[in-house]
Amino acid sequence: MASYYKSIMLAFFFIAISLSSMDIGLAARHLLQTSPTLPKPALPTLPPIPTFPTQGNLPPLPTTIPSLPTIPTNIPTLPKFTLPPLPAVTSLPNFPTIPTTMPSIPFFSPPPSTTTP
């Protein structure tokens, strides 16, 4: 009984939402159609484009390549670790074997015919 009321309330909720969105859409269209055109603001003037330096004003490129740092050769040794021995397996459980051949299905012989051809 409670689920019946929940479904009715949910249906009324969706109907109310759909009708309210129609009214909002109509009101927005009405406002767009009746609003007067507003004056457009004047755009500010853009600053002048800066001039790029010419070939003579560039600093000279370096002629020597700086040396790279050296990689250390004395790598510390890592500690050795050993795993514990596995427990001895005394016996494995017996699993059933899967047959590899199809068993033969016995067929009965057909009943004798009552009429002779």
Protein backbone atom coordinates (compact mmCIF):
# COMPACT_ATOMS: atom_id res chain seq x y z
CA MET A 1 0.00 0.00 0.00
CA ALA A 2 2.86 2.36 0.82
CA SER A 3 4.56 1.66 -2.50
CA TYR A 4 1.31 2.61 -4.26
CA TYR A 5 1.32 6.02 -2.58
CA LYS A 6 5.02 6.46 -3.36
CA SER A 7 4.45 5.79 -7.05
CA ILE A 8 1.47 8.19 -7.14
CA MET A 9 3.51 10.91 -5.41
CA LEU A 10 6.40 10.32 -7.80
CA ALA A 11 4.07 10.63 -10.81
CA PHE A 12 2.62 13.90 -9.46
CA PHE A 13 6.14 15.18 -8.84
CA PHE A 14 7.19 14.50 -12.45
CA ILE A 15 3.99 16.08 -13.77
CA ALA A 16 4.58 19.19 -11.65
CA ILE A 17 8.21 19.46 -12.79
CA SER A 18 7.30 19.07 -16.46
CA LEU A 19 4.50 21.68 -16.26
CA SER A 20 6.66 24.14 -14.37
CA SER A 21 9.46 23.84 -16.90
CA MET A 22 6.97 24.66 -19.69
CA ASP A 23 5.89 27.82 -17.89
CA ILE A 24 9.49 28.83 -17.29
CA GLY A 25 10.37 28.26 -20.93
CA LEU A 26 7.39 30.33 -22.11
CA ALA A 27 8.24 33.14 -19.69
CA ALA A 28 11.85 33.18 -20.86
CA ARG A 29 10.76 33.32 -24.51
CA HIS A 30 8.38 36.17 -23.68
CA LEU A 31 11.15 38.11 -21.96
CA LEU A 32 13.50 37.59 -24.89
CA GLN A 33 10.93 38.79 -27.40
CA THR A 34 9.79 41.86 -25.49
CA SER A 35 13.10 43.15 -24.10
CA PRO A 36 14.38 46.33 -25.78
CA THR A 37 17.76 46.21 -27.46
CA LEU A 38 20.41 47.55 -25.16
CA PRO A 39 23.26 49.74 -26.42
CA LYS A 40 26.44 47.78 -26.98
CA PRO A 41 29.43 48.93 -24.94
CA ALA A 42 32.37 50.42 -26.78
CA LEU A 43 35.39 48.17 -26.98
CA PRO A 44 38.59 49.52 -25.42
CA THR A 45 41.48 50.25 -27.72
CA LEU A 46 44.07 47.53 -27.97
CA PRO A 47 47.69 48.26 -27.06
CA PRO A 48 50.16 48.39 -29.95
CA ILE A 49 51.87 45.17 -30.96
CA PRO A 50 55.38 45.02 -29.45
CA THR A 51 58.32 44.84 -31.80
CA PHE A 52 60.53 41.80 -31.63
CA PRO A 53 64.30 42.19 -31.30
CA THR A 54 66.27 42.10 -34.50
CA GLN A 55 69.19 39.78 -35.26
CA GLY A 56 71.80 42.21 -33.90
CA ASN A 57 70.19 42.55 -30.46
CA LEU A 58 70.24 38.82 -29.65
CA PRO A 59 72.74 37.60 -27.04
CA PRO A 60 75.41 35.23 -28.34
CA LEU A 61 74.85 31.49 -28.01
CA PRO A 62 77.12 29.59 -25.60
CA THR A 63 80.04 27.89 -27.32
CA THR A 64 80.90 25.37 -24.60
CA ILE A 65 78.57 22.64 -23.36
CA PRO A 66 78.46 22.37 -19.57
CA SER A 67 79.57 19.04 -18.15
CA LEU A 68 76.95 16.63 -16.86
CA PRO A 69 77.10 15.35 -13.27
CA THR A 70 78.74 11.98 -12.82
CA ILE A 71 76.78 8.91 -11.80
CA PRO A 72 78.01 7.32 -8.55
CA THR A 73 79.55 3.88 -9.05
CA ASN A 74 79.42 2.62 -5.46
CA ILE A 75 75.91 1.18 -5.24
CA PRO A 76 75.07 -0.16 -1.77
CA THR A 77 74.42 -3.88 -1.52
CA LEU A 78 70.93 -5.04 -0.71
CA PRO A 79 70.35 -7.48 2.15
CA LYS A 80 69.82 -11.09 1.12
CA PHE A 81 66.62 -12.77 2.16
CA THR A 82 65.58 -16.39 2.07
CA LEU A 83 62.14 -17.89 1.85
CA PRO A 84 61.06 -20.45 4.43
CA PRO A 85 61.02 -24.04 3.19
CA LEU A 86 57.75 -25.41 1.87
CA PRO A 87 55.98 -27.98 4.02
CA ALA A 88 56.46 -31.59 2.99
CA VAL A 89 53.53 -32.99 1.04
CA THR A 90 52.70 -36.38 2.46
CA SER A 91 49.72 -37.29 0.32
CA LEU A 92 47.64 -35.56 -2.29
CA PRO A 93 43.86 -35.79 -2.21
CA ASN A 94 42.29 -38.21 -4.65
CA PHE A 95 40.55 -36.37 -7.45
CA PRO A 96 38.09 -38.17 -9.69
CA THR A 97 39.37 -38.80 -13.17
CA ILE A 98 37.65 -37.44 -16.22
CA PRO A 99 36.73 -40.14 -18.75
CA THR A 100 38.28 -39.66 -22.16
CA THR A 101 35.96 -41.93 -24.14
CA MET A 102 32.24 -41.59 -24.70
CA PRO A 103 30.20 -44.34 -23.06
CA SER A 104 28.11 -46.44 -25.39
CA ILE A 105 24.39 -45.84 -25.20
CA PRO A 106 22.30 -49.00 -25.56
CA PHE A 107 19.57 -48.76 -28.17
CA PHE A 108 16.57 -50.98 -28.19
CA SER A 109 15.68 -52.83 -31.35
CA PRO A 110 12.61 -51.52 -33.16
CA PRO A 111 9.40 -53.39 -32.60
CA PRO A 112 8.46 -55.89 -35.27
CA SER A 113 6.20 -54.57 -37.98
CA THR A 114 2.67 -55.86 -38.15
CA THR A 115 2.38 -55.67 -41.93
CA THR A 116 4.64 -57.30 -44.45
CA PRO A 117 5.73 -55.32 -47.45
